[in-house]
Amino acid sequence: MNKSDLVEILTEQLKTLSRKEVDLIVDTVFDKMTESLSKGDRIEIRGFGSFEVRTRQARQGRNPKSGEKVFVTTRRVPFFKVGKELKERINGGPESEGAEPKQKVSGE
């Protein structure tokens, strides 16, 4: 699912709002989440999960093409931790019983 799929689904469910209004709401939610994370805030959505920013320390890495050693600077990265209820639904809770598990494709 991408953002336009989400807007379409919400527009169908929220019949009193236009697609343009729903699009504005979705954009605003993502903008505010991005703004909060940029400031280092943690976002928690109960039953779904939490978003936070973690700092990855500087390290010695390798260029995958040349094999040459490179220095990777300290950086901040977004991190998502799945909530208990979402994890249960994905891993066989009552809501996921009709869903087929995705098959791993072997390299053979």
PDB file of N, CA and C in Angstrom:
ATOM      1  N   MET A   1       0.852  -1.171   0.000  1.00  0.00           N
ATOM      2  CA  MET A   1       0.000   0.000   0.000  1.00  0.00           C
ATOM      3  C   MET A   1       0.898   1.236   0.000  1.00  0.00           C
ATOM      4  N   ASN A   2       0.550   2.187  -0.829  1.00  0.00           N
ATOM      5  CA  ASN A   2       1.265   3.462  -0.834  1.00  0.00           C
ATOM      6  C   ASN A   2       0.310   4.572  -0.378  1.00  0.00           C
ATOM      7  N   LYS A   3       0.800   5.807  -0.378  1.00  0.00           N
ATOM      8  CA  LYS A   3      -0.002   6.921   0.133  1.00  0.00           C
ATOM      9  C   LYS A   3      -1.297   7.109  -0.657  1.00  0.00           C
ATOM     10  N   SER A   4      -1.237   7.014  -1.988  1.00  0.00           N
ATOM     11  CA  SER A   4      -2.477   7.212  -2.757  1.00  0.00           C
ATOM     12  C   SER A   4      -3.486   6.101  -2.507  1.00  0.00           C
ATOM     13  N   ASP A   5      -3.010   4.867  -2.269  1.00  0.00           N
ATOM     14  CA  ASP A   5      -3.927   3.780  -1.905  1.00  0.00           C
ATOM     15  C   ASP A   5      -4.613   4.102  -0.577  1.00  0.00           C
ATOM     16  N   LEU A   6      -3.836   4.590   0.379  1.00  0.00           N
ATOM     17  CA  LEU A   6      -4.384   4.950   1.683  1.00  0.00           C
ATOM     18  C   LEU A   6      -5.430   6.053   1.547  1.00  0.00           C
ATOM     19  N   VAL A   7      -5.126   7.073   0.769  1.00  0.00           N
ATOM     20  CA  VAL A   7      -6.072   8.176   0.545  1.00  0.00           C
ATOM     21  C   VAL A   7      -7.350   7.641  -0.094  1.00  0.00           C
ATOM     22  N   GLU A   8      -7.215   6.763  -1.062  1.00  0.00           N
ATOM     23  CA  GLU A   8      -8.381   6.190  -1.745  1.00  0.00           C
ATOM     24  C   GLU A   8      -9.263   5.397  -0.780  1.00  0.00           C
ATOM     25  N   ILE A   9      -8.640   4.552   0.042  1.00  0.00           N
ATOM     26  CA  ILE A   9      -9.390   3.742   1.016  1.00  0.00           C
ATOM     27  C   ILE A   9     -10.109   4.641   2.017  1.00  0.00           C
ATOM     28  N   LEU A  10      -9.407   5.646   2.528  1.00  0.00           N
ATOM     29  CA  LEU A  10     -10.028   6.556   3.497  1.00  0.00           C
ATOM     30  C   LEU A  10     -11.157   7.366   2.870  1.00  0.00           C
ATOM     31  N   THR A  11     -10.985   7.771   1.620  1.00  0.00           N
ATOM     32  CA  THR A  11     -12.031   8.526   0.924  1.00  0.00           C
ATOM     33  C   THR A  11     -13.295   7.682   0.788  1.00  0.00           C
ATOM     34  N   GLU A  12     -13.126   6.394   0.483  1.00  0.00           N
ATOM     35  CA  GLU A  12     -14.285   5.496   0.365  1.00  0.00           C
ATOM     36  C   GLU A  12     -14.973   5.303   1.711  1.00  0.00           C
ATOM     37  N   GLN A  13     -14.181   5.208   2.790  1.00  0.00           N
ATOM     38  CA  GLN A  13     -14.749   4.968   4.117  1.00  0.00           C
ATOM     39  C   GLN A  13     -15.363   6.233   4.727  1.00  0.00           C
ATOM     40  N   LEU A  14     -14.748   7.383   4.463  1.00  0.00           N
ATOM     41  CA  LEU A  14     -15.211   8.650   5.033  1.00  0.00           C
ATOM     42  C   LEU A  14     -15.978   9.422   3.962  1.00  0.00           C
ATOM     43  N   LYS A  15     -17.154   8.991   3.694  1.00  0.00           N
ATOM     44  CA  LYS A  15     -17.940   9.515   2.575  1.00  0.00           C
ATOM     45  C   LYS A  15     -18.246  11.013   2.676  1.00  0.00           C
ATOM     46  N   THR A  16     -18.126  11.590   3.869  1.00  0.00           N
ATOM     47  CA  THR A  16     -18.426  13.019   4.026  1.00  0.00           C
ATOM     48  C   THR A  16     -17.251  13.914   3.634  1.00  0.00           C
ATOM     49  N   LEU A  17     -16.074  13.313   3.412  1.00  0.00           N
ATOM     50  CA  LEU A  17     -14.891  14.095   3.033  1.00  0.00           C
ATOM     51  C   LEU A  17     -14.517  13.825   1.580  1.00  0.00           C
ATOM     52  N   SER A  18     -14.056  14.865   0.912  1.00  0.00           N
ATOM     53  CA  SER A  18     -13.618  14.703  -0.480  1.00  0.00           C
ATOM     54  C   SER A  18     -12.220  14.092  -0.507  1.00  0.00           C
ATOM     55  N   ARG A  19     -11.837  13.624  -1.685  1.00  0.00           N
ATOM     56  CA  ARG A  19     -10.498  13.048  -1.853  1.00  0.00           C
ATOM     57  C   ARG A  19      -9.436  14.095  -1.538  1.00  0.00           C
ATOM     58  N   LYS A  20      -9.677  15.330  -1.944  1.00  0.00           N
ATOM     59  CA  LYS A  20      -8.736  16.424  -1.697  1.00  0.00           C
ATOM     60  C   LYS A  20      -8.570  16.676  -0.193  1.00  0.00           C
ATOM     61  N   GLU A  21      -9.683  16.631   0.545  1.00  0.00           N
ATOM     62  CA  GLU A  21      -9.627  16.836   1.996  1.00  0.00           C
ATOM     63  C   GLU A  21      -8.870  15.697   2.683  1.00  0.00           C
ATOM     64  N   VAL A  22      -9.153  14.475   2.266  1.00  0.00           N
ATOM     65  CA  VAL A  22      -8.469  13.310   2.840  1.00  0.00           C
ATOM     66  C   VAL A  22      -6.975  13.375   2.528  1.00  0.00           C
ATOM     67  N   ASP A  23      -6.632  13.762   1.300  1.00  0.00           N
ATOM     68  CA  ASP A  23      -5.231  13.892   0.903  1.00  0.00           C
ATOM     69  C   ASP A  23      -4.521  14.918   1.794  1.00  0.00           C
ATOM     70  N   LEU A  24      -5.184  16.030   2.074  1.00  0.00           N
ATOM     71  CA  LEU A  24      -4.621  17.064   2.942  1.00  0.00           C
ATOM     72  C   LEU A  24      -4.409  16.525   4.361  1.00  0.00           C
ATOM     73  N   ILE A  25      -5.366  15.766   4.858  1.00  0.00           N
ATOM     74  CA  ILE A  25      -5.253  15.188   6.205  1.00  0.00           C
ATOM     75  C   ILE A  25      -4.073  14.220   6.275  1.00  0.00           C
ATOM     76  N   VAL A  26      -3.969  13.327   5.302  1.00  0.00           N
ATOM     77  CA  VAL A  26      -2.877  12.346   5.281  1.00  0.00           C
ATOM     78  C   VAL A  26      -1.531  13.065   5.185  1.00  0.00           C
ATOM     79  N   ASP A  27      -1.429  14.056   4.301  1.00  0.00           N
ATOM     80  CA  ASP A  27      -0.190  14.837   4.179  1.00  0.00           C
ATOM     81  C   ASP A  27       0.170  15.507   5.501  1.00  0.00           C
ATOM     82  N   THR A  28      -0.829  16.075   6.165  1.00  0.00           N
ATOM     83  CA  THR A  28      -0.597  16.767   7.431  1.00  0.00           C
ATOM     84  C   THR A  28      -0.104  15.800   8.505  1.00  0.00           C
ATOM     85  N   VAL A  29      -0.710  14.620   8.577  1.00  0.00           N
ATOM     86  CA  VAL A  29      -0.278  13.615   9.558  1.00  0.00           C
ATOM     87  C   VAL A  29       1.183  13.250   9.325  1.00  0.00           C
ATOM     88  N   PHE A  30       1.545  12.942   8.079  1.00  0.00           N
ATOM     89  CA  PHE A  30       2.929  12.562   7.784  1.00  0.00           C
ATOM     90  C   PHE A  30       3.891  13.730   8.002  1.00  0.00           C
ATOM     91  N   ASP A  31       3.474  14.941   7.654  1.00  0.00           N
ATOM     92  CA  ASP A  31       4.322  16.118   7.883  1.00  0.00           C
ATOM     93  C   ASP A  31       4.594  16.319   9.372  1.00  0.00           C
ATOM     94  N   LYS A  32       3.563  16.187  10.196  1.00  0.00           N
ATOM     95  CA  LYS A  32       3.722  16.380  11.641  1.00  0.00           C
ATOM     96  C   LYS A  32       4.570  15.269  12.250  1.00  0.00           C
ATOM     97  N   MET A  33       4.408  14.049  11.762  1.00  0.00           N
ATOM     98  CA  MET A  33       5.247  12.951  12.250  1.00  0.00           C
ATOM     99  C   MET A  33       6.709  13.203  11.884  1.00  0.00           C
ATOM    100  N   THR A  34       6.955  13.629  10.653  1.00  0.00           N
ATOM    101  CA  THR A  34       8.313  13.923  10.191  1.00  0.00           C
ATOM    102  C   THR A  34       8.921  15.054  11.014  1.00  0.00           C
ATOM    103  N   GLU A  35       8.129  16.084  11.258  1.00  0.00           N
ATOM    104  CA  GLU A  35       8.584  17.230  12.051  1.00  0.00           C
ATOM    105  C   GLU A  35       8.969  16.793  13.468  1.00  0.00           C
ATOM    106  N   SER A  36       8.135  15.968  14.092  1.00  0.00           N
ATOM    107  CA  SER A  36       8.417  15.488  15.449  1.00  0.00           C
ATOM    108  C   SER A  36       9.685  14.645  15.491  1.00  0.00           C
ATOM    109  N   LEU A  37       9.822  13.736  14.539  1.00  0.00           N
ATOM    110  CA  LEU A  37      11.015  12.888  14.498  1.00  0.00           C
ATOM    111  C   LEU A  37      12.267  13.717  14.241  1.00  0.00           C
ATOM    112  N   SER A  38      12.156  14.737  13.405  1.00  0.00           N
ATOM    113  CA  SER A  38      13.301  15.608  13.113  1.00  0.00           C
ATOM    114  C   SER A  38      13.794  16.322  14.367  1.00  0.00           C
ATOM    115  N   LYS A  39      12.868  16.606  15.291  1.00  0.00           N
ATOM    116  CA  LYS A  39      13.232  17.257  16.552  1.00  0.00           C
ATOM    117  C   LYS A  39      13.731  16.248  17.586  1.00  0.00           C
ATOM    118  N   GLY A  40      13.678  14.959  17.241  1.00  0.00           N
ATOM    119  CA  GLY A  40      14.137  13.932  18.174  1.00  0.00           C
ATOM    120  C   GLY A  40      13.043  13.384  19.066  1.00  0.00           C
ATOM    121  N   ASP A  41      11.793  13.772  18.805  1.00  0.00           N
ATOM    122  CA  ASP A  41      10.671  13.275  19.605  1.00  0.00           C
ATOM    123  C   ASP A  41      10.355  11.830  19.248  1.00  0.00           C
ATOM    124  N   ARG A  42       9.715  11.147  20.181  1.00  0.00           N
ATOM    125  CA  ARG A  42       9.255   9.776  19.973  1.00  0.00           C
ATOM    126  C   ARG A  42       7.754   9.832  19.707  1.00  0.00           C
ATOM    127  N   ILE A  43       7.279   9.015  18.771  1.00  0.00           N
ATOM    128  CA  ILE A  43       5.854   8.963  18.442  1.00  0.00           C
ATOM    129  C   ILE A  43       5.355   7.569  18.790  1.00  0.00           C
ATOM    130  N   GLU A  44       4.333   7.499  19.629  1.00  0.00           N
ATOM    131  CA  GLU A  44       3.776   6.203  20.006  1.00  0.00           C
ATOM    132  C   GLU A  44       2.310   6.143  19.606  1.00  0.00           C
ATOM    133  N   ILE A  45       1.968   5.102  18.858  1.00  0.00           N
ATOM    134  CA  ILE A  45       0.584   4.861  18.469  1.00  0.00           C
ATOM    135  C   ILE A  45       0.212   3.517  19.088  1.00  0.00           C
ATOM    136  N   ARG A  46      -0.523   3.573  20.186  1.00  0.00           N
ATOM    137  CA  ARG A  46      -0.847   2.359  20.945  1.00  0.00           C
ATOM    138  C   ARG A  46      -1.503   1.310  20.052  1.00  0.00           C
ATOM    139  N   GLY A  47      -1.043   0.077  20.212  1.00  0.00           N
ATOM    140  CA  GLY A  47      -1.579  -1.029  19.435  1.00  0.00           C
ATOM    141  C   GLY A  47      -0.937  -1.171  18.069  1.00  0.00           C
ATOM    142  N   PHE A  48      -0.210  -0.154  17.638  1.00  0.00           N
ATOM    143  CA  PHE A  48       0.435  -0.188  16.320  1.00  0.00           C
ATOM    144  C   PHE A  48       1.946  -0.251  16.463  1.00  0.00           C
ATOM    145  N   GLY A  49       2.519   0.731  17.147  1.00  0.00           N
ATOM    146  CA  GLY A  49       3.963   0.739  17.344  1.00  0.00           C
ATOM    147  C   GLY A  49       4.469   2.126  17.660  1.00  0.00           C
ATOM    148  N   SER A  50       5.792   2.251  17.700  1.00  0.00           N
ATOM    149  CA  SER A  50       6.387   3.550  17.996  1.00  0.00           C
ATOM    150  C   SER A  50       7.505   3.860  17.014  1.00  0.00           C
ATOM    151  N   PHE A  51       7.647   5.141  16.753  1.00  0.00           N
ATOM    152  CA  PHE A  51       8.689   5.650  15.871  1.00  0.00           C
ATOM    153  C   PHE A  51       9.638   6.474  16.729  1.00  0.00           C
ATOM    154  N   GLU A  52      10.927   6.341  16.476  1.00  0.00           N
ATOM    155  CA  GLU A  52      11.907   7.171  17.161  1.00  0.00           C
ATOM    156  C   GLU A  52      13.132   7.317  16.271  1.00  0.00           C
ATOM    157  N   VAL A  53      14.022   8.198  16.688  1.00  0.00           N
ATOM    158  CA  VAL A  53      15.261   8.401  15.946  1.00  0.00           C
ATOM    159  C   VAL A  53      16.391   7.826  16.786  1.00  0.00           C
ATOM    160  N   ARG A  54      17.204   7.002  16.173  1.00  0.00           N
ATOM    161  CA  ARG A  54      18.360   6.421  16.850  1.00  0.00           C
ATOM    162  C   ARG A  54      19.629   6.928  16.190  1.00  0.00           C
ATOM    163  N   THR A  55      20.689   6.968  16.968  1.00  0.00           N
ATOM    164  CA  THR A  55      21.977   7.426  16.450  1.00  0.00           C
ATOM    165  C   THR A  55      22.859   6.222  16.169  1.00  0.00           C
ATOM    166  N   ARG A  56      23.343   6.144  14.959  1.00  0.00           N
ATOM    167  CA  ARG A  56      24.311   5.104  14.596  1.00  0.00           C
ATOM    168  C   ARG A  56      25.697   5.718  14.705  1.00  0.00           C
ATOM    169  N   GLN A  57      26.555   5.062  15.438  1.00  0.00           N
ATOM    170  CA  GLN A  57      27.909   5.565  15.657  1.00  0.00           C
ATOM    171  C   GLN A  57      28.736   5.502  14.379  1.00  0.00           C
ATOM    172  N   ALA A  58      29.738   6.356  14.317  1.00  0.00           N
ATOM    173  CA  ALA A  58      30.665   6.333  13.185  1.00  0.00           C
ATOM    174  C   ALA A  58      31.361   4.970  13.173  1.00  0.00           C
ATOM    175  N   ARG A  59      31.712   4.514  11.984  1.00  0.00           N
ATOM    176  CA  ARG A  59      32.353   3.197  11.881  1.00  0.00           C
ATOM    177  C   ARG A  59      33.178   3.115  10.608  1.00  0.00           C
ATOM    178  N   GLN A  60      33.983   2.090  10.567  1.00  0.00           N
ATOM    179  CA  GLN A  60      34.767   1.794   9.375  1.00  0.00           C
ATOM    180  C   GLN A  60      33.923   0.856   8.514  1.00  0.00           C
ATOM    181  N   GLY A  61      33.695   1.208   7.264  1.00  0.00           N
ATOM    182  CA  GLY A  61      32.912   0.370   6.362  1.00  0.00           C
ATOM    183  C   GLY A  61      33.718   0.007   5.134  1.00  0.00           C
ATOM    184  N   ARG A  62      33.061  -0.624   4.188  1.00  0.00           N
ATOM    185  CA  ARG A  62      33.709  -0.991   2.927  1.00  0.00           C
ATOM    186  C   ARG A  62      32.835  -0.583   1.763  1.00  0.00           C
ATOM    187  N   ASN A  63      33.475  -0.106   0.704  1.00  0.00           N
ATOM    188  CA  ASN A  63      32.775   0.175  -0.539  1.00  0.00           C
ATOM    189  C   ASN A  63      32.455  -1.182  -1.166  1.00  0.00           C
ATOM    190  N   PRO A  64      31.172  -1.496  -1.406  1.00  0.00           N
ATOM    191  CA  PRO A  64      30.823  -2.820  -1.930  1.00  0.00           C
ATOM    192  C   PRO A  64      31.378  -3.107  -3.327  1.00  0.00           C
ATOM    193  N   LYS A  65      31.602  -2.069  -4.123  1.00  0.00           N
ATOM    194  CA  LYS A  65      32.132  -2.287  -5.478  1.00  0.00           C
ATOM    195  C   LYS A  65      33.636  -2.525  -5.471  1.00  0.00           C
ATOM    196  N   SER A  66      34.363  -1.651  -4.770  1.00  0.00           N
ATOM    197  CA  SER A  66      35.826  -1.728  -4.832  1.00  0.00           C
ATOM    198  C   SER A  66      36.436  -2.494  -3.671  1.00  0.00           C
ATOM    199  N   GLY A  67      35.679  -2.667  -2.583  1.00  0.00           N
ATOM    200  CA  GLY A  67      36.230  -3.323  -1.408  1.00  0.00           C
ATOM    201  C   GLY A  67      37.083  -2.386  -0.567  1.00  0.00           C
ATOM    202  N   GLU A  68      37.230  -1.148  -1.016  1.00  0.00           N
ATOM    203  CA  GLU A  68      38.047  -0.155  -0.326  1.00  0.00           C
ATOM    204  C   GLU A  68      37.399   0.237   1.002  1.00  0.00           C
ATOM    205  N   LYS A  69      38.227   0.428   2.038  1.00  0.00           N
ATOM    206  CA  LYS A  69      37.722   0.853   3.341  1.00  0.00           C
ATOM    207  C   LYS A  69      37.284   2.311   3.254  1.00  0.00           C
ATOM    208  N   VAL A  70      36.140   2.605   3.870  1.00  0.00           N
ATOM    209  CA  VAL A  70      35.630   3.972   3.910  1.00  0.00           C
ATOM    210  C   VAL A  70      35.157   4.277   5.330  1.00  0.00           C
ATOM    211  N   PHE A  71      35.192   5.547   5.698  1.00  0.00           N
ATOM    212  CA  PHE A  71      34.720   5.971   7.007  1.00  0.00           C
ATOM    213  C   PHE A  71      33.261   6.394   6.879  1.00  0.00           C
ATOM    214  N   VAL A  72      32.396   5.787   7.679  1.00  0.00           N
ATOM    215  CA  VAL A  72      30.971   6.133   7.686  1.00  0.00           C
ATOM    216  C   VAL A  72      30.729   6.996   8.919  1.00  0.00           C
ATOM    217  N   THR A  73      30.247   8.215   8.704  1.00  0.00           N
ATOM    218  CA  THR A  73      30.060   9.163   9.805  1.00  0.00           C
ATOM    219  C   THR A  73      28.879   8.780  10.695  1.00  0.00           C
ATOM    220  N   THR A  74      28.852   9.373  11.884  1.00  0.00           N
ATOM    221  CA  THR A  74      27.718   9.208  12.792  1.00  0.00           C
ATOM    222  C   THR A  74      26.483   9.772  12.105  1.00  0.00           C
ATOM    223  N   ARG A  75      25.378   9.063  12.227  1.00  0.00           N
ATOM    224  CA  ARG A  75      24.144   9.569  11.618  1.00  0.00           C
ATOM    225  C   ARG A  75      22.936   9.153  12.438  1.00  0.00           C
ATOM    226  N   ARG A  76      21.883   9.925  12.272  1.00  0.00           N
ATOM    227  CA  ARG A  76      20.608   9.623  12.933  1.00  0.00           C
ATOM    228  C   ARG A  76      19.702   8.937  11.922  1.00  0.00           C
ATOM    229  N   VAL A  77      19.041   7.871  12.369  1.00  0.00           N
ATOM    230  CA  VAL A  77      18.171   7.113  11.467  1.00  0.00           C
ATOM    231  C   VAL A  77      16.812   6.882  12.125  1.00  0.00           C
ATOM    232  N   PRO A  78      15.738   6.901  11.335  1.00  0.00           N
ATOM    233  CA  PRO A  78      14.421   6.594  11.898  1.00  0.00           C
ATOM    234  C   PRO A  78      14.336   5.105  12.221  1.00  0.00           C
ATOM    235  N   PHE A  79      13.614   4.789  13.292  1.00  0.00           N
ATOM    236  CA  PHE A  79      13.466   3.401  13.729  1.00  0.00           C
ATOM    237  C   PHE A  79      12.009   3.181  14.118  1.00  0.00           C
ATOM    238  N   PHE A  80      11.452   2.033  13.716  1.00  0.00           N
ATOM    239  CA  PHE A  80      10.074   1.685  14.070  1.00  0.00           C
ATOM    240  C   PHE A  80      10.089   0.413  14.892  1.00  0.00           C
ATOM    241  N   LYS A  81       9.406   0.442  16.033  1.00  0.00           N
ATOM    242  CA  LYS A  81       9.254  -0.757  16.857  1.00  0.00           C
ATOM    243  C   LYS A  81       7.782  -1.144  16.830  1.00  0.00           C
ATOM    244  N   VAL A  82       7.507  -2.338  16.354  1.00  0.00           N
ATOM    245  CA  VAL A  82       6.126  -2.799  16.205  1.00  0.00           C
ATOM    246  C   VAL A  82       5.483  -2.997  17.580  1.00  0.00           C
ATOM    247  N   GLY A  83       4.206  -2.646  17.690  1.00  0.00           N
ATOM    248  CA  GLY A  83       3.458  -2.816  18.926  1.00  0.00           C
ATOM    249  C   GLY A  83       2.978  -4.249  19.101  1.00  0.00           C
ATOM    250  N   LYS A  84       2.659  -4.595  20.332  1.00  0.00           N
ATOM    251  CA  LYS A  84       2.247  -5.958  20.676  1.00  0.00           C
ATOM    252  C   LYS A  84       1.007  -6.402  19.884  1.00  0.00           C
ATOM    253  N   GLU A  85      -0.012  -5.558  19.817  1.00  0.00           N
ATOM    254  CA  GLU A  85      -1.250  -5.943  19.126  1.00  0.00           C
ATOM    255  C   GLU A  85      -1.025  -6.160  17.636  1.00  0.00           C
ATOM    256  N   LEU A  86      -0.251  -5.299  17.003  1.00  0.00           N
ATOM    257  CA  LEU A  86       0.045  -5.464  15.581  1.00  0.00           C
ATOM    258  C   LEU A  86       0.848  -6.737  15.350  1.00  0.00           C
ATOM    259  N   LYS A  87       1.824  -6.982  16.200  1.00  0.00           N
ATOM    260  CA  LYS A  87       2.650  -8.184  16.078  1.00  0.00           C
ATOM    261  C   LYS A  87       1.783  -9.445  16.190  1.00  0.00           C
ATOM    262  N   GLU A  88       0.835  -9.435  17.128  1.00  0.00           N
ATOM    263  CA  GLU A  88      -0.055 -10.584  17.303  1.00  0.00           C
ATOM    264  C   GLU A  88      -0.939 -10.794  16.077  1.00  0.00           C
ATOM    265  N   ARG A  89      -1.457  -9.710  15.510  1.00  0.00           N
ATOM    266  CA  ARG A  89      -2.307  -9.834  14.312  1.00  0.00           C
ATOM    267  C   ARG A  89      -1.526 -10.389  13.133  1.00  0.00           C
ATOM    268  N   ILE A  90      -0.288  -9.953  12.992  1.00  0.00           N
ATOM    269  CA  ILE A  90       0.544 -10.422  11.885  1.00  0.00           C
ATOM    270  C   ILE A  90       0.924 -11.887  12.069  1.00  0.00           C
ATOM    271  N   ASN A  91       1.166 -12.283  13.313  1.00  0.00           N
ATOM    272  CA  ASN A  91       1.648 -13.635  13.593  1.00  0.00           C
ATOM    273  C   ASN A  91       0.553 -14.595  14.034  1.00  0.00           C
ATOM    274  N   GLY A  92      -0.596 -14.543  13.384  1.00  0.00           N
ATOM    275  CA  GLY A  92      -1.590 -15.573  13.615  1.00  0.00           C
ATOM    276  C   GLY A  92      -2.719 -15.221  14.537  1.00  0.00           C
ATOM    277  N   GLY A  93      -2.944 -13.952  14.768  1.00  0.00           N
ATOM    278  CA  GLY A  93      -4.094 -13.555  15.564  1.00  0.00           C
ATOM    279  C   GLY A  93      -5.369 -13.799  14.782  1.00  0.00           C
ATOM    280  N   PRO A  94      -6.512 -13.589  15.382  1.00  0.00           N
ATOM    281  CA  PRO A  94      -7.794 -13.861  14.727  1.00  0.00           C
ATOM    282  C   PRO A  94      -8.003 -13.102  13.422  1.00  0.00           C
ATOM    283  N   GLU A  95      -7.439 -11.911  13.304  1.00  0.00           N
ATOM    284  CA  GLU A  95      -7.637 -11.102  12.101  1.00  0.00           C
ATOM    285  C   GLU A  95      -6.841 -11.617  10.907  1.00  0.00           C
ATOM    286  N   SER A  96      -5.766 -12.367  11.166  1.00  0.00           N
ATOM    287  CA  SER A  96      -4.888 -12.777  10.069  1.00  0.00           C
ATOM    288  C   SER A  96      -5.155 -14.197   9.586  1.00  0.00           C
ATOM    289  N   GLU A  97      -6.181 -14.877  10.110  1.00  0.00           N
ATOM    290  CA  GLU A  97      -6.403 -16.275   9.768  1.00  0.00           C
ATOM    291  C   GLU A  97      -6.693 -16.520   8.303  1.00  0.00           C
ATOM    292  N   GLY A  98      -7.338 -15.611   7.619  1.00  0.00           N
ATOM    293  CA  GLY A  98      -7.636 -15.805   6.207  1.00  0.00           C
ATOM    294  C   GLY A  98      -6.467 -15.482   5.297  1.00  0.00           C
ATOM    295  N   ALA A  99      -5.468 -14.839   5.828  1.00  0.00           N
ATOM    296  CA  ALA A  99      -4.336 -14.399   5.009  1.00  0.00           C
ATOM    297  C   ALA A  99      -3.349 -15.532   4.790  1.00  0.00           C
ATOM    298  N   GLU A 100      -2.859 -15.612   3.585  1.00  0.00           N
ATOM    299  CA  GLU A 100      -1.840 -16.599   3.249  1.00  0.00           C
ATOM    300  C   GLU A 100      -0.471 -16.035   3.592  1.00  0.00           C
ATOM    301  N   PRO A 101       0.396 -16.827   4.256  1.00  0.00           N
ATOM    302  CA  PRO A 101       1.742 -16.323   4.513  1.00  0.00           C
ATOM    303  C   PRO A 101       2.527 -16.215   3.216  1.00  0.00           C
ATOM    304  N   LYS A 102       3.385 -15.198   3.134  1.00  0.00           N
ATOM    305  CA  LYS A 102       4.200 -15.034   1.932  1.00  0.00           C
ATOM    306  C   LYS A 102       5.258 -16.124   1.898  1.00  0.00           C
ATOM    307  N   GLN A 103       5.460 -16.688   0.712  1.00  0.00           N
ATOM    308  CA  GLN A 103       6.439 -17.747   0.535  1.00  0.00           C
ATOM    309  C   GLN A 103       7.802 -17.154   0.248  1.00  0.00           C
ATOM    310  N   LYS A 104       8.838 -17.751   0.845  1.00  0.00           N
ATOM    311  CA  LYS A 104      10.194 -17.328   0.535  1.00  0.00           C
ATOM    312  C   LYS A 104      10.584 -17.935  -0.795  1.00  0.00           C
ATOM    313  N   VAL A 105      11.265 -17.154  -1.604  1.00  0.00           N
ATOM    314  CA  VAL A 105      11.714 -17.630  -2.905  1.00  0.00           C
ATOM    315  C   VAL A 105      13.169 -18.025  -2.766  1.00  0.00           C
ATOM    316  N   SER A 106      13.460 -19.285  -3.088  1.00  0.00           N
ATOM    317  CA  SER A 106      14.848 -19.731  -2.979  1.00  0.00           C
ATOM    318  C   SER A 106      15.613 -19.331  -4.227  1.00  0.00           C
ATOM    319  N   GLY A 107      16.914 -19.256  -4.093  1.00  0.00           N
ATOM    320  CA  GLY A 107      17.759 -18.827  -5.198  1.00  0.00           C
ATOM    321  C   GLY A 107      18.146 -19.960  -6.128  1.00  0.00           C
ATOM    322  N   GLU A 108      17.449 -21.075  -6.102  1.00  0.00           N
ATOM    323  CA  GLU A 108      17.804 -22.225  -6.944  1.00  0.00           C
ATOM    324  C   GLU A 108      17.358 -22.070  -8.361  1.00  0.00           C
TER     325      GLU A 108
END
